Amino acid sequence: MTAEQDQPATVPPAAVVEGVFELARDGRTRPLGEMLDAGVPLDLVNGRGDSLLIVAAYGQHRETVQELLRRGADTAIVNGMGQTALACAVFRNNEPILVDLLTAGADPDLGSHSGIQIADQFALPRMRAVIEAHTGA
């Protein structure tokens, strides 16, 4: 799924969307889960094409990432800058979140700024090694 694809038919009002993304950005897992339980789409994207999973991964909120993955969040969403949640975890040098995403099936080659490219560009050999260990590359 890409940011350019259509939103679900039941897109919440802008204020709700903003609030839900703030919860993900702040790592407020429980209230975020309550909003999802109330009907906010799990794979909602904002104006930049970020998903809740991308925002939580970039914010380094492992518990939130794990909860979103448990609920079935799409790891293949690519934002408007060509990044995935996995690429955000690599950029932030967050090995536990990277492993969670890889275990959930995230593709380290996905996006125009893929996790592998970011590991190489920013000289993050440990992140590259973790990816290779999980993918057998």
C-alpha atoms as a PDB file:
ATOM      1  CA  MET A   1       0.000   0.000   0.000  1.00  0.00           C
ATOM      2  CA  THR A   2       1.246   3.472  -0.756  1.00  0.00           C
ATOM      3  CA  ALA A   3       0.276   6.864   0.576  1.00  0.00           C
ATOM      4  CA  GLU A   4      -1.307   7.659  -2.772  1.00  0.00           C
ATOM      5  CA  GLN A   5      -3.884   4.901  -2.409  1.00  0.00           C
ATOM      6  CA  ASP A   6      -7.338   5.882  -1.260  1.00  0.00           C
ATOM      7  CA  GLN A   7      -8.192   6.045   2.409  1.00  0.00           C
ATOM      8  CA  PRO A   8     -10.820   3.661   3.778  1.00  0.00           C
ATOM      9  CA  ALA A   9     -14.411   4.733   3.125  1.00  0.00           C
ATOM     10  CA  THR A  10     -14.826   5.731   6.783  1.00  0.00           C
ATOM     11  CA  VAL A  11     -12.081   8.291   7.264  1.00  0.00           C
ATOM     12  CA  PRO A  12     -12.539  10.013  10.621  1.00  0.00           C
ATOM     13  CA  PRO A  13     -12.757  13.818  10.873  1.00  0.00           C
ATOM     14  CA  ALA A  14      -9.445  15.690  10.632  1.00  0.00           C
ATOM     15  CA  ALA A  15      -9.348  16.445  14.364  1.00  0.00           C
ATOM     16  CA  VAL A  16      -9.707  12.742  15.172  1.00  0.00           C
ATOM     17  CA  VAL A  17      -7.002  11.810  12.672  1.00  0.00           C
ATOM     18  CA  GLU A  18      -4.665  14.406  14.171  1.00  0.00           C
ATOM     19  CA  GLY A  19      -5.381  13.156  17.674  1.00  0.00           C
ATOM     20  CA  VAL A  20      -4.815   9.513  16.765  1.00  0.00           C
ATOM     21  CA  PHE A  21      -1.481  10.333  15.139  1.00  0.00           C
ATOM     22  CA  GLU A  22      -0.490  12.306  18.223  1.00  0.00           C
ATOM     23  CA  LEU A  23      -1.197   9.213  20.337  1.00  0.00           C
ATOM     24  CA  ALA A  24       1.030   7.104  18.086  1.00  0.00           C
ATOM     25  CA  ARG A  25       3.737   9.797  18.018  1.00  0.00           C
ATOM     26  CA  ASP A  26       3.691  10.007  21.829  1.00  0.00           C
ATOM     27  CA  GLY A  27       3.635   6.243  22.375  1.00  0.00           C
ATOM     28  CA  ARG A  28       0.284   6.294  24.157  1.00  0.00           C
ATOM     29  CA  THR A  29      -0.527   2.690  23.340  1.00  0.00           C
ATOM     30  CA  ARG A  30      -3.621   2.159  25.461  1.00  0.00           C
ATOM     31  CA  PRO A  31      -5.610   5.214  24.310  1.00  0.00           C
ATOM     32  CA  LEU A  32      -4.523   4.512  20.731  1.00  0.00           C
ATOM     33  CA  GLY A  33      -5.878   0.988  21.071  1.00  0.00           C
ATOM     34  CA  GLU A  34      -9.146   2.379  22.394  1.00  0.00           C
ATOM     35  CA  MET A  35      -9.447   4.605  19.334  1.00  0.00           C
ATOM     36  CA  LEU A  36      -8.777   1.646  17.055  1.00  0.00           C
ATOM     37  CA  ASP A  37     -11.364  -0.398  18.959  1.00  0.00           C
ATOM     38  CA  ALA A  38     -13.822   2.464  18.416  1.00  0.00           C
ATOM     39  CA  GLY A  39     -13.407   2.177  14.649  1.00  0.00           C
ATOM     40  CA  VAL A  40     -10.429   4.278  13.593  1.00  0.00           C
ATOM     41  CA  PRO A  41      -8.806   2.389  10.697  1.00  0.00           C
ATOM     42  CA  LEU A  42      -5.598   0.587  11.679  1.00  0.00           C
ATOM     43  CA  ASP A  43      -3.799   1.566   8.473  1.00  0.00           C
ATOM     44  CA  LEU A  44      -4.944   5.167   8.377  1.00  0.00           C
ATOM     45  CA  VAL A  45      -2.421   7.507   6.740  1.00  0.00           C
ATOM     46  CA  ASN A  46      -1.966  11.220   7.297  1.00  0.00           C
ATOM     47  CA  GLY A  47      -1.293  13.945   4.752  1.00  0.00           C
ATOM     48  CA  ARG A  48       2.392  12.990   4.536  1.00  0.00           C
ATOM     49  CA  GLY A  49       1.491   9.386   3.871  1.00  0.00           C
ATOM     50  CA  ASP A  50       2.655   8.240   7.292  1.00  0.00           C
ATOM     51  CA  SER A  51       0.801   5.359   8.894  1.00  0.00           C
ATOM     52  CA  LEU A  52       0.348   4.969  12.628  1.00  0.00           C
ATOM     53  CA  LEU A  53       3.028   2.251  12.475  1.00  0.00           C
ATOM     54  CA  ILE A  54       5.506   4.557  10.721  1.00  0.00           C
ATOM     55  CA  VAL A  55       4.912   7.309  13.275  1.00  0.00           C
ATOM     56  CA  ALA A  56       5.277   4.931  16.226  1.00  0.00           C
ATOM     57  CA  ALA A  57       8.455   3.391  14.794  1.00  0.00           C
ATOM     58  CA  TYR A  58      10.000   6.793  14.121  1.00  0.00           C
ATOM     59  CA  GLY A  59       9.082   7.856  17.664  1.00  0.00           C
ATOM     60  CA  GLN A  60      10.795   4.713  18.974  1.00  0.00           C
ATOM     61  CA  HIS A  61       7.719   3.531  20.854  1.00  0.00           C
ATOM     62  CA  ARG A  62       8.228  -0.215  20.877  1.00  0.00           C
ATOM     63  CA  GLU A  63       5.117  -1.090  22.883  1.00  0.00           C
ATOM     64  CA  THR A  64       2.987   0.883  20.430  1.00  0.00           C
ATOM     65  CA  VAL A  65       4.710  -0.728  17.439  1.00  0.00           C
ATOM     66  CA  GLN A  66       4.147  -4.165  18.935  1.00  0.00           C
ATOM     67  CA  GLU A  67       0.462  -3.451  19.580  1.00  0.00           C
ATOM     68  CA  LEU A  68      -0.067  -2.179  16.049  1.00  0.00           C
ATOM     69  CA  LEU A  69       1.676  -5.259  14.653  1.00  0.00           C
ATOM     70  CA  ARG A  70      -0.401  -7.514  16.913  1.00  0.00           C
ATOM     71  CA  ARG A  71      -3.510  -5.920  15.430  1.00  0.00           C
ATOM     72  CA  GLY A  72      -2.220  -6.576  11.898  1.00  0.00           C
ATOM     73  CA  ALA A  73      -0.852  -3.194  10.833  1.00  0.00           C
ATOM     74  CA  ASP A  74       0.432  -3.163   7.268  1.00  0.00           C
ATOM     75  CA  THR A  75       4.255  -3.071   7.304  1.00  0.00           C
ATOM     76  CA  ALA A  76       4.305  -2.345   3.558  1.00  0.00           C
ATOM     77  CA  ILE A  77       2.903   1.189   3.717  1.00  0.00           C
ATOM     78  CA  VAL A  78       5.341   3.603   2.086  1.00  0.00           C
ATOM     79  CA  ASN A  79       5.010   7.280   3.019  1.00  0.00           C
ATOM     80  CA  GLY A  80       5.359  10.247   0.720  1.00  0.00           C
ATOM     81  CA  MET A  81       9.132  10.308   1.263  1.00  0.00           C
ATOM     82  CA  GLY A  82       9.527   6.674   0.213  1.00  0.00           C
ATOM     83  CA  GLN A  83      10.006   5.357   3.763  1.00  0.00           C
ATOM     84  CA  THR A  84       8.470   2.460   5.646  1.00  0.00           C
ATOM     85  CA  ALA A  85       8.239   1.797   9.372  1.00  0.00           C
ATOM     86  CA  LEU A  86      11.257  -0.480   8.991  1.00  0.00           C
ATOM     87  CA  ALA A  87      13.270   2.296   7.356  1.00  0.00           C
ATOM     88  CA  CYS A  88      12.358   4.567  10.280  1.00  0.00           C
ATOM     89  CA  ALA A  89      13.554   1.970  12.788  1.00  0.00           C
ATOM     90  CA  VAL A  90      16.857   1.658  10.914  1.00  0.00           C
ATOM     91  CA  PHE A  91      17.307   5.436  10.708  1.00  0.00           C
ATOM     92  CA  ARG A  92      16.657   5.743  14.442  1.00  0.00           C
ATOM     93  CA  ASN A  93      19.120   2.871  15.039  1.00  0.00           C
ATOM     94  CA  ASN A  94      16.468   1.004  17.033  1.00  0.00           C
ATOM     95  CA  GLU A  95      17.329  -2.675  16.879  1.00  0.00           C
ATOM     96  CA  PRO A  96      14.420  -4.013  18.989  1.00  0.00           C
ATOM     97  CA  ILE A  97      11.821  -2.294  16.795  1.00  0.00           C
ATOM     98  CA  LEU A  98      13.694  -3.363  13.668  1.00  0.00           C
ATOM     99  CA  VAL A  99      13.579  -6.985  14.842  1.00  0.00           C
ATOM    100  CA  ASP A 100       9.857  -6.701  15.655  1.00  0.00           C
ATOM    101  CA  LEU A 101       9.160  -5.388  12.151  1.00  0.00           C
ATOM    102  CA  LEU A 102      11.310  -8.021  10.453  1.00  0.00           C
ATOM    103  CA  THR A 103       9.633 -10.752  12.490  1.00  0.00           C
ATOM    104  CA  ALA A 104       6.263  -9.385  11.333  1.00  0.00           C
ATOM    105  CA  GLY A 105       7.394  -9.743   7.718  1.00  0.00           C
ATOM    106  CA  ALA A 106       8.443  -6.184   6.881  1.00  0.00           C
ATOM    107  CA  ASP A 107      10.441  -5.940   3.648  1.00  0.00           C
ATOM    108  CA  PRO A 108      13.795  -4.164   4.141  1.00  0.00           C
ATOM    109  CA  ASP A 109      14.014  -3.424   0.398  1.00  0.00           C
ATOM    110  CA  LEU A 110      10.646  -1.670   0.168  1.00  0.00           C
ATOM    111  CA  GLY A 111      10.474   2.045  -0.596  1.00  0.00           C
ATOM    112  CA  SER A 112      12.667   4.494  -2.444  1.00  0.00           C
ATOM    113  CA  HIS A 113      14.492   5.045   0.875  1.00  0.00           C
ATOM    114  CA  SER A 114      14.603   1.426   2.005  1.00  0.00           C
ATOM    115  CA  GLY A 115      15.931   0.162   5.296  1.00  0.00           C
ATOM    116  CA  ILE A 116      18.975  -1.313   3.600  1.00  0.00           C
ATOM    117  CA  GLN A 117      19.717   1.935   1.765  1.00  0.00           C
ATOM    118  CA  ILE A 118      19.397   3.929   4.979  1.00  0.00           C
ATOM    119  CA  ALA A 119      21.689   1.534   6.856  1.00  0.00           C
ATOM    120  CA  ASP A 120      24.313   1.988   4.151  1.00  0.00           C
ATOM    121  CA  GLN A 121      23.828   5.740   3.687  1.00  0.00           C
ATOM    122  CA  PHE A 122      24.137   6.536   7.389  1.00  0.00           C
ATOM    123  CA  ALA A 123      26.865   3.958   8.119  1.00  0.00           C
ATOM    124  CA  LEU A 124      24.767   1.784  10.408  1.00  0.00           C
ATOM    125  CA  PRO A 125      26.484  -1.593  10.003  1.00  0.00           C
ATOM    126  CA  ARG A 126      24.696  -3.159  12.969  1.00  0.00           C
ATOM    127  CA  MET A 127      21.322  -2.364  11.428  1.00  0.00           C
ATOM    128  CA  ARG A 128      22.475  -3.874   8.129  1.00  0.00           C
ATOM    129  CA  ALA A 129      23.704  -6.985   9.965  1.00  0.00           C
ATOM    130  CA  VAL A 130      20.363  -7.419  11.743  1.00  0.00           C
ATOM    131  CA  ILE A 131      18.513  -7.162   8.436  1.00  0.00           C
ATOM    132  CA  GLU A 132      20.834  -9.656   6.789  1.00  0.00           C
ATOM    133  CA  ALA A 133      20.525 -12.081   9.712  1.00  0.00           C
ATOM    134  CA  HIS A 134      16.726 -12.040   9.380  1.00  0.00           C
ATOM    135  CA  THR A 135      16.551 -12.165   5.601  1.00  0.00           C
ATOM    136  CA  GLY A 136      19.457 -14.486   4.921  1.00  0.00           C
ATOM    137  CA  ALA A 137      20.956 -11.939   2.532  1.00  0.00           C
END
